[in-house]
Amino acid sequence: MLVIFDLDDTLVDTSGSIVPGLLKKALYKMEKMGLPIVNFEETYKLMNRLSNNHLTTKAALKEFVELTGAPPECYEMGLNEIYNPPLFEDPISPVDSAKEVLEELALSHQLVLVTAGKESIQLEKMKKAGIEVSFFSKLYFCDGNKKNIYNTLVKETGISPLNIIVCGDRISFDLTPAKELGFKTVHMRWGRGLGNTGLKKDVDYTILNLNELKQILNNLNNV
């Protein structure tokens, strides 16, 4: 079985150990740019709530600027602080059981990583979270459109879509393109994956811990 993983909030706890720190840094910069803040902690909590309710941090930041009436340049400053490139000063955590599950699955399945983001940044996240590159036979870094990569994998490996499963937290980004190609899909409910991230019809299985993926694969292998 070919198993495709997303990275953020599927293997690395991005929402819990990365995004909050980046948002705080962005807010400090925006305050210096002229954003009027009466209570920093309350404003920071608002940013985090918006981030948890949006598919991307970029979309959350846009709404934050609109809600607070921040000067237009605050938005670009905030984006720059978060994305170009972020400095990961704080520890980065894997999601629960990620390293153990990958190590076990790599013994009997072909694992592939398909993640949206700059290669250097995503690799740094993996390194700091202890996610070994060697677990994966292939790594792909993209701008968010994963369907083309999924198609490429089918052609390159010659593996039937019936024998490919994708695990990710955001349904519309990670799973819907896979479902359209006939792959099996697993929704990882972690971080942003806890919210409404797409159409439920595109989800074959839902898990709260990566350990559950092992049983799903066992069941599929025995069909």
C-alpha atoms as a PDB file:
ATOM      1  CA  MET A   1       0.000   0.000   0.000  1.00  0.00           C
ATOM      2  CA  LEU A   2       1.245   3.484  -0.883  1.00  0.00           C
ATOM      3  CA  VAL A   3       0.571   5.867   2.012  1.00  0.00           C
ATOM      4  CA  ILE A   4       0.701   9.621   1.339  1.00  0.00           C
ATOM      5  CA  PHE A   5       1.028  11.981   4.287  1.00  0.00           C
ATOM      6  CA  ASP A   6       0.483  15.681   4.644  1.00  0.00           C
ATOM      7  CA  LEU A   7       2.920  17.385   7.052  1.00  0.00           C
ATOM      8  CA  ASP A   8       1.318  20.286   8.917  1.00  0.00           C
ATOM      9  CA  ASP A   9      -1.145  19.132  11.587  1.00  0.00           C
ATOM     10  CA  THR A  10      -0.838  15.587  10.293  1.00  0.00           C
ATOM     11  CA  LEU A  11       2.721  14.753  11.343  1.00  0.00           C
ATOM     12  CA  VAL A  12       3.895  18.058  12.859  1.00  0.00           C
ATOM     13  CA  ASP A  13       1.820  19.937  15.450  1.00  0.00           C
ATOM     14  CA  THR A  14       1.822  23.156  13.453  1.00  0.00           C
ATOM     15  CA  SER A  15      -1.291  24.698  15.038  1.00  0.00           C
ATOM     16  CA  GLY A  16      -0.068  23.964  18.543  1.00  0.00           C
ATOM     17  CA  SER A  17       3.688  24.503  18.477  1.00  0.00           C
ATOM     18  CA  ILE A  18       4.382  26.803  15.501  1.00  0.00           C
ATOM     19  CA  VAL A  19       1.495  29.102  14.577  1.00  0.00           C
ATOM     20  CA  PRO A  20       0.904  30.719  18.019  1.00  0.00           C
ATOM     21  CA  GLY A  21       4.509  31.927  18.222  1.00  0.00           C
ATOM     22  CA  LEU A  22       4.481  33.284  14.676  1.00  0.00           C
ATOM     23  CA  LEU A  23       1.207  35.105  15.292  1.00  0.00           C
ATOM     24  CA  LYS A  24       2.601  36.770  18.414  1.00  0.00           C
ATOM     25  CA  LYS A  25       5.675  37.960  16.509  1.00  0.00           C
ATOM     26  CA  ALA A  26       3.446  39.290  13.721  1.00  0.00           C
ATOM     27  CA  LEU A  27       1.252  41.117  16.223  1.00  0.00           C
ATOM     28  CA  TYR A  28       4.272  42.837  17.812  1.00  0.00           C
ATOM     29  CA  LYS A  29       5.356  44.020  14.351  1.00  0.00           C
ATOM     30  CA  MET A  30       1.856  45.204  13.465  1.00  0.00           C
ATOM     31  CA  GLU A  31       1.620  47.166  16.705  1.00  0.00           C
ATOM     32  CA  LYS A  32       4.848  48.961  15.786  1.00  0.00           C
ATOM     33  CA  MET A  33       3.363  49.693  12.344  1.00  0.00           C
ATOM     34  CA  GLY A  34       0.440  51.564  13.918  1.00  0.00           C
ATOM     35  CA  LEU A  35      -2.142  48.944  14.898  1.00  0.00           C
ATOM     36  CA  PRO A  36      -3.859  50.388  17.995  1.00  0.00           C
ATOM     37  CA  ILE A  37      -3.916  47.717  20.734  1.00  0.00           C
ATOM     38  CA  VAL A  38      -5.579  48.328  24.087  1.00  0.00           C
ATOM     39  CA  ASN A  39      -5.008  44.847  25.490  1.00  0.00           C
ATOM     40  CA  PHE A  40      -2.264  42.842  23.784  1.00  0.00           C
ATOM     41  CA  GLU A  41      -3.226  39.447  25.232  1.00  0.00           C
ATOM     42  CA  GLU A  42      -6.892  39.794  24.276  1.00  0.00           C
ATOM     43  CA  THR A  43      -5.936  40.860  20.758  1.00  0.00           C
ATOM     44  CA  TYR A  44      -3.545  37.929  20.530  1.00  0.00           C
ATOM     45  CA  LYS A  45      -6.326  35.558  21.620  1.00  0.00           C
ATOM     46  CA  LEU A  46      -8.503  36.967  18.812  1.00  0.00           C
ATOM     47  CA  MET A  47      -5.752  36.222  16.276  1.00  0.00           C
ATOM     48  CA  ASN A  48      -5.492  32.650  17.512  1.00  0.00           C
ATOM     49  CA  ARG A  49      -9.260  32.102  17.359  1.00  0.00           C
ATOM     50  CA  LEU A  50      -9.360  33.366  13.787  1.00  0.00           C
ATOM     51  CA  SER A  51      -6.401  31.169  12.878  1.00  0.00           C
ATOM     52  CA  ASN A  52      -8.126  28.083  14.245  1.00  0.00           C
ATOM     53  CA  ASN A  53     -11.271  28.854  12.232  1.00  0.00           C
ATOM     54  CA  HIS A  54      -9.601  29.407   8.855  1.00  0.00           C
ATOM     55  CA  LEU A  55      -7.995  26.973   6.446  1.00  0.00           C
ATOM     56  CA  THR A  56      -4.837  29.085   6.283  1.00  0.00           C
ATOM     57  CA  THR A  57      -3.024  31.553   8.513  1.00  0.00           C
ATOM     58  CA  LYS A  58      -3.034  33.990   5.574  1.00  0.00           C
ATOM     59  CA  ALA A  59      -6.840  33.991   5.454  1.00  0.00           C
ATOM     60  CA  ALA A  60      -7.012  34.446   9.224  1.00  0.00           C
ATOM     61  CA  LEU A  61      -4.627  37.406   9.100  1.00  0.00           C
ATOM     62  CA  LYS A  62      -6.690  39.052   6.380  1.00  0.00           C
ATOM     63  CA  GLU A  63      -9.852  38.866   8.497  1.00  0.00           C
ATOM     64  CA  PHE A  64      -7.961  40.085  11.552  1.00  0.00           C
ATOM     65  CA  VAL A  65      -6.802  43.207   9.705  1.00  0.00           C
ATOM     66  CA  GLU A  66     -10.352  43.859   8.492  1.00  0.00           C
ATOM     67  CA  LEU A  67     -11.872  43.392  11.956  1.00  0.00           C
ATOM     68  CA  THR A  68      -9.372  45.643  13.715  1.00  0.00           C
ATOM     69  CA  GLY A  69      -9.212  48.322  11.051  1.00  0.00           C
ATOM     70  CA  ALA A  70      -5.443  48.039  10.947  1.00  0.00           C
ATOM     71  CA  PRO A  71      -3.441  50.172   8.492  1.00  0.00           C
ATOM     72  CA  PRO A  72      -3.121  48.378   5.120  1.00  0.00           C
ATOM     73  CA  GLU A  73       0.632  47.949   5.515  1.00  0.00           C
ATOM     74  CA  CYS A  74       0.028  45.839   8.645  1.00  0.00           C
ATOM     75  CA  TYR A  75      -1.268  42.977   6.534  1.00  0.00           C
ATOM     76  CA  GLU A  76       1.882  42.785   4.411  1.00  0.00           C
ATOM     77  CA  MET A  77       4.058  43.163   7.490  1.00  0.00           C
ATOM     78  CA  GLY A  78       2.191  40.328   9.198  1.00  0.00           C
ATOM     79  CA  LEU A  79       2.523  38.064   6.152  1.00  0.00           C
ATOM     80  CA  ASN A  80       6.215  38.780   5.911  1.00  0.00           C
ATOM     81  CA  GLU A  81       6.757  37.947   9.566  1.00  0.00           C
ATOM     82  CA  ILE A  82       4.922  34.625   9.251  1.00  0.00           C
ATOM     83  CA  TYR A  83       5.953  33.357   5.831  1.00  0.00           C
ATOM     84  CA  ASN A  84       9.236  34.900   4.607  1.00  0.00           C
ATOM     85  CA  PRO A  85      10.662  32.833   6.186  1.00  0.00           C
ATOM     86  CA  PRO A  86       9.480  32.138   9.726  1.00  0.00           C
ATOM     87  CA  LEU A  87      12.147  31.709  12.366  1.00  0.00           C
ATOM     88  CA  PHE A  88      11.366  28.690  14.486  1.00  0.00           C
ATOM     89  CA  GLU A  89      12.785  29.826  17.813  1.00  0.00           C
ATOM     90  CA  ASP A  90      10.496  27.657  19.947  1.00  0.00           C
ATOM     91  CA  PRO A  91      10.513  23.834  20.078  1.00  0.00           C
ATOM     92  CA  ILE A  92       8.392  22.099  17.432  1.00  0.00           C
ATOM     93  CA  SER A  93       6.411  19.028  18.415  1.00  0.00           C
ATOM     94  CA  PRO A  94       5.254  16.106  16.287  1.00  0.00           C
ATOM     95  CA  VAL A  95       1.627  15.084  16.631  1.00  0.00           C
ATOM     96  CA  ASP A  96       1.029  12.263  19.091  1.00  0.00           C
ATOM     97  CA  SER A  97       2.614   8.949  18.016  1.00  0.00           C
ATOM     98  CA  ALA A  98       3.828  10.352  14.660  1.00  0.00           C
ATOM     99  CA  LYS A  99       7.418   9.127  14.861  1.00  0.00           C
ATOM    100  CA  GLU A 100       6.494   5.690  16.161  1.00  0.00           C
ATOM    101  CA  VAL A 101       3.769   5.160  13.559  1.00  0.00           C
ATOM    102  CA  LEU A 102       5.984   6.254  10.661  1.00  0.00           C
ATOM    103  CA  GLU A 103       8.789   3.995  11.811  1.00  0.00           C
ATOM    104  CA  GLU A 104       6.447   1.009  11.967  1.00  0.00           C
ATOM    105  CA  LEU A 105       4.592   1.681   8.718  1.00  0.00           C
ATOM    106  CA  ALA A 106       7.820   2.236   6.764  1.00  0.00           C
ATOM    107  CA  LEU A 107       8.684  -1.417   7.333  1.00  0.00           C
ATOM    108  CA  SER A 108       5.738  -2.704   5.281  1.00  0.00           C
ATOM    109  CA  HIS A 109       4.414   0.219   3.210  1.00  0.00           C
ATOM    110  CA  GLN A 110       5.785   2.815   0.820  1.00  0.00           C
ATOM    111  CA  LEU A 111       5.458   6.224   2.474  1.00  0.00           C
ATOM    112  CA  VAL A 112       5.371   9.523   0.595  1.00  0.00           C
ATOM    113  CA  LEU A 113       5.190  13.093   1.877  1.00  0.00           C
ATOM    114  CA  VAL A 114       3.202  15.699  -0.063  1.00  0.00           C
ATOM    115  CA  THR A 115       3.207  19.069   1.683  1.00  0.00           C
ATOM    116  CA  ALA A 116       2.318  22.640   0.762  1.00  0.00           C
ATOM    117  CA  GLY A 117       5.100  25.093   1.527  1.00  0.00           C
ATOM    118  CA  LYS A 118       8.696  26.021   0.789  1.00  0.00           C
ATOM    119  CA  GLU A 119      11.031  23.054   0.851  1.00  0.00           C
ATOM    120  CA  SER A 120      13.563  24.637   3.211  1.00  0.00           C
ATOM    121  CA  ILE A 121      10.888  25.639   5.723  1.00  0.00           C
ATOM    122  CA  GLN A 122       9.087  22.301   5.668  1.00  0.00           C
ATOM    123  CA  LEU A 123      12.351  20.390   6.075  1.00  0.00           C
ATOM    124  CA  GLU A 124      13.268  22.566   9.047  1.00  0.00           C
ATOM    125  CA  LYS A 125       9.925  21.760  10.676  1.00  0.00           C
ATOM    126  CA  MET A 126      10.552  18.056  10.168  1.00  0.00           C
ATOM    127  CA  LYS A 127      14.068  18.280  11.579  1.00  0.00           C
ATOM    128  CA  LYS A 128      13.005  20.133  14.713  1.00  0.00           C
ATOM    129  CA  ALA A 129      10.028  17.796  15.249  1.00  0.00           C
ATOM    130  CA  GLY A 130      12.191  14.687  14.829  1.00  0.00           C
ATOM    131  CA  ILE A 131      10.402  13.462  11.689  1.00  0.00           C
ATOM    132  CA  GLU A 132      13.057  11.560   9.742  1.00  0.00           C
ATOM    133  CA  VAL A 133      13.252  12.181   5.983  1.00  0.00           C
ATOM    134  CA  SER A 134      14.383   8.565   5.613  1.00  0.00           C
ATOM    135  CA  PHE A 135      10.893   7.327   6.474  1.00  0.00           C
ATOM    136  CA  PHE A 136       9.711   8.472   3.015  1.00  0.00           C
ATOM    137  CA  SER A 137      10.564   7.132  -0.421  1.00  0.00           C
ATOM    138  CA  LYS A 138       9.574  10.455  -2.003  1.00  0.00           C
ATOM    139  CA  LEU A 139       9.025  14.017  -0.781  1.00  0.00           C
ATOM    140  CA  TYR A 140       7.047  16.642  -2.703  1.00  0.00           C
ATOM    141  CA  PHE A 141       6.762  20.340  -1.851  1.00  0.00           C
ATOM    142  CA  CYS A 142       4.022  22.294  -3.612  1.00  0.00           C
ATOM    143  CA  ASP A 143       2.117  25.570  -3.675  1.00  0.00           C
ATOM    144  CA  GLY A 144      -1.109  23.978  -2.428  1.00  0.00           C
ATOM    145  CA  ASN A 145      -2.369  22.144  -5.533  1.00  0.00           C
ATOM    146  CA  LYS A 146      -1.824  18.499  -4.672  1.00  0.00           C
ATOM    147  CA  LYS A 147      -3.844  16.797  -7.414  1.00  0.00           C
ATOM    148  CA  ASN A 148      -1.076  17.113  -9.991  1.00  0.00           C
ATOM    149  CA  ILE A 149       1.386  15.520  -7.597  1.00  0.00           C
ATOM    150  CA  TYR A 150      -1.031  12.699  -6.797  1.00  0.00           C
ATOM    151  CA  ASN A 151      -1.400  12.082 -10.532  1.00  0.00           C
ATOM    152  CA  THR A 152       2.369  12.061 -10.963  1.00  0.00           C
ATOM    153  CA  LEU A 153       2.726   9.482  -8.204  1.00  0.00           C
ATOM    154  CA  VAL A 154       0.291   7.132  -9.939  1.00  0.00           C
ATOM    155  CA  LYS A 155       2.233   7.412 -13.188  1.00  0.00           C
ATOM    156  CA  GLU A 156       5.668   7.089 -11.610  1.00  0.00           C
ATOM    157  CA  THR A 157       4.906   4.178  -9.315  1.00  0.00           C
ATOM    158  CA  GLY A 158       2.382   2.306 -11.458  1.00  0.00           C
ATOM    159  CA  ILE A 159       0.377   1.668  -8.283  1.00  0.00           C
ATOM    160  CA  SER A 160      -3.386   1.474  -8.701  1.00  0.00           C
ATOM    161  CA  PRO A 161      -5.377   4.280  -7.016  1.00  0.00           C
ATOM    162  CA  LEU A 162      -7.182   1.482  -5.161  1.00  0.00           C
ATOM    163  CA  ASN A 163      -3.912   0.787  -3.357  1.00  0.00           C
ATOM    164  CA  ILE A 164      -3.159   4.386  -2.394  1.00  0.00           C
ATOM    165  CA  ILE A 165      -4.329   6.094   0.784  1.00  0.00           C
ATOM    166  CA  VAL A 166      -3.899   9.750   1.743  1.00  0.00           C
ATOM    167  CA  CYS A 167      -3.836  11.070   5.311  1.00  0.00           C
ATOM    168  CA  GLY A 168      -4.263  14.799   5.941  1.00  0.00           C
ATOM    169  CA  ASP A 169      -5.987  17.333   8.175  1.00  0.00           C
ATOM    170  CA  ARG A 170      -7.639  19.640   5.621  1.00  0.00           C
ATOM    171  CA  ILE A 171     -10.236  17.865   3.540  1.00  0.00           C
ATOM    172  CA  SER A 172     -10.437  20.319   0.636  1.00  0.00           C
ATOM    173  CA  PHE A 173      -6.651  20.633   0.274  1.00  0.00           C
ATOM    174  CA  ASP A 174      -5.438  17.125   1.087  1.00  0.00           C
ATOM    175  CA  LEU A 175      -8.297  14.689   0.590  1.00  0.00           C
ATOM    176  CA  THR A 176     -10.714  15.980  -2.057  1.00  0.00           C
ATOM    177  CA  PRO A 177      -8.077  15.851  -4.861  1.00  0.00           C
ATOM    178  CA  ALA A 178      -7.180  12.314  -3.736  1.00  0.00           C
ATOM    179  CA  LYS A 179     -10.806  11.198  -3.658  1.00  0.00           C
ATOM    180  CA  GLU A 180     -11.322  12.526  -7.193  1.00  0.00           C
ATOM    181  CA  LEU A 181      -8.568  10.165  -8.348  1.00  0.00           C
ATOM    182  CA  GLY A 182     -10.014   7.155  -6.566  1.00  0.00           C
ATOM    183  CA  PHE A 183      -7.636   7.070  -3.579  1.00  0.00           C
ATOM    184  CA  LYS A 184      -8.724   6.114  -0.082  1.00  0.00           C
ATOM    185  CA  THR A 185      -8.759   9.094   2.287  1.00  0.00           C
ATOM    186  CA  VAL A 186      -8.135   9.497   6.011  1.00  0.00           C
ATOM    187  CA  HIS A 187      -9.071  12.718   7.783  1.00  0.00           C
ATOM    188  CA  MET A 188      -6.678  13.535  10.625  1.00  0.00           C
ATOM    189  CA  ARG A 189      -8.637  15.600  13.137  1.00  0.00           C
ATOM    190  CA  TRP A 190      -5.846  17.678  14.618  1.00  0.00           C
ATOM    191  CA  GLY A 191      -5.296  21.425  14.680  1.00  0.00           C
ATOM    192  CA  ARG A 192      -7.261  22.978  11.834  1.00  0.00           C
ATOM    193  CA  GLY A 193      -8.505  19.494  11.030  1.00  0.00           C
ATOM    194  CA  LEU A 194     -10.805  19.748  14.043  1.00  0.00           C
ATOM    195  CA  GLY A 195     -12.926  22.305  12.178  1.00  0.00           C
ATOM    196  CA  ASN A 196     -14.914  22.223   8.959  1.00  0.00           C
ATOM    197  CA  THR A 197     -12.253  21.914   6.269  1.00  0.00           C
ATOM    198  CA  GLY A 198     -14.241  20.459   3.377  1.00  0.00           C
ATOM    199  CA  LEU A 199     -16.891  17.999   2.246  1.00  0.00           C
ATOM    200  CA  LYS A 200     -17.461  14.934   4.416  1.00  0.00           C
ATOM    201  CA  LYS A 201     -18.248  12.855   1.314  1.00  0.00           C
ATOM    202  CA  ASP A 202     -14.544  13.007   0.452  1.00  0.00           C
ATOM    203  CA  VAL A 203     -13.563  11.275   3.713  1.00  0.00           C
ATOM    204  CA  ASP A 204     -13.406   7.482   3.954  1.00  0.00           C
ATOM    205  CA  TYR A 205     -11.996   7.322   7.481  1.00  0.00           C
ATOM    206  CA  THR A 206     -11.615   9.752  10.366  1.00  0.00           C
ATOM    207  CA  ILE A 207      -8.952   9.459  13.062  1.00  0.00           C
ATOM    208  CA  LEU A 208      -7.948  11.413  16.170  1.00  0.00           C
ATOM    209  CA  ASN A 209      -4.570   9.711  16.607  1.00  0.00           C
ATOM    210  CA  LEU A 210      -2.157   8.384  13.987  1.00  0.00           C
ATOM    211  CA  ASN A 211      -2.114   5.023  15.770  1.00  0.00           C
ATOM    212  CA  GLU A 212      -5.595   4.440  14.329  1.00  0.00           C
ATOM    213  CA  LEU A 213      -4.131   4.502  10.834  1.00  0.00           C
ATOM    214  CA  LYS A 214      -2.354   1.215  11.453  1.00  0.00           C
ATOM    215  CA  GLN A 215      -5.635  -0.650  11.940  1.00  0.00           C
ATOM    216  CA  ILE A 216      -7.152   0.959   8.856  1.00  0.00           C
ATOM    217  CA  LEU A 217      -4.214  -0.255   6.775  1.00  0.00           C
ATOM    218  CA  ASN A 218      -4.419  -3.727   8.292  1.00  0.00           C
ATOM    219  CA  ASN A 219      -8.104  -3.923   7.391  1.00  0.00           C
ATOM    220  CA  LEU A 220      -7.474  -2.775   3.818  1.00  0.00           C
ATOM    221  CA  ASN A 221      -4.678  -5.306   3.371  1.00  0.00           C
ATOM    222  CA  ASN A 222      -7.021  -8.094   4.467  1.00  0.00           C
ATOM    223  CA  VAL A 223      -9.831  -7.185   2.070  1.00  0.00           C
END
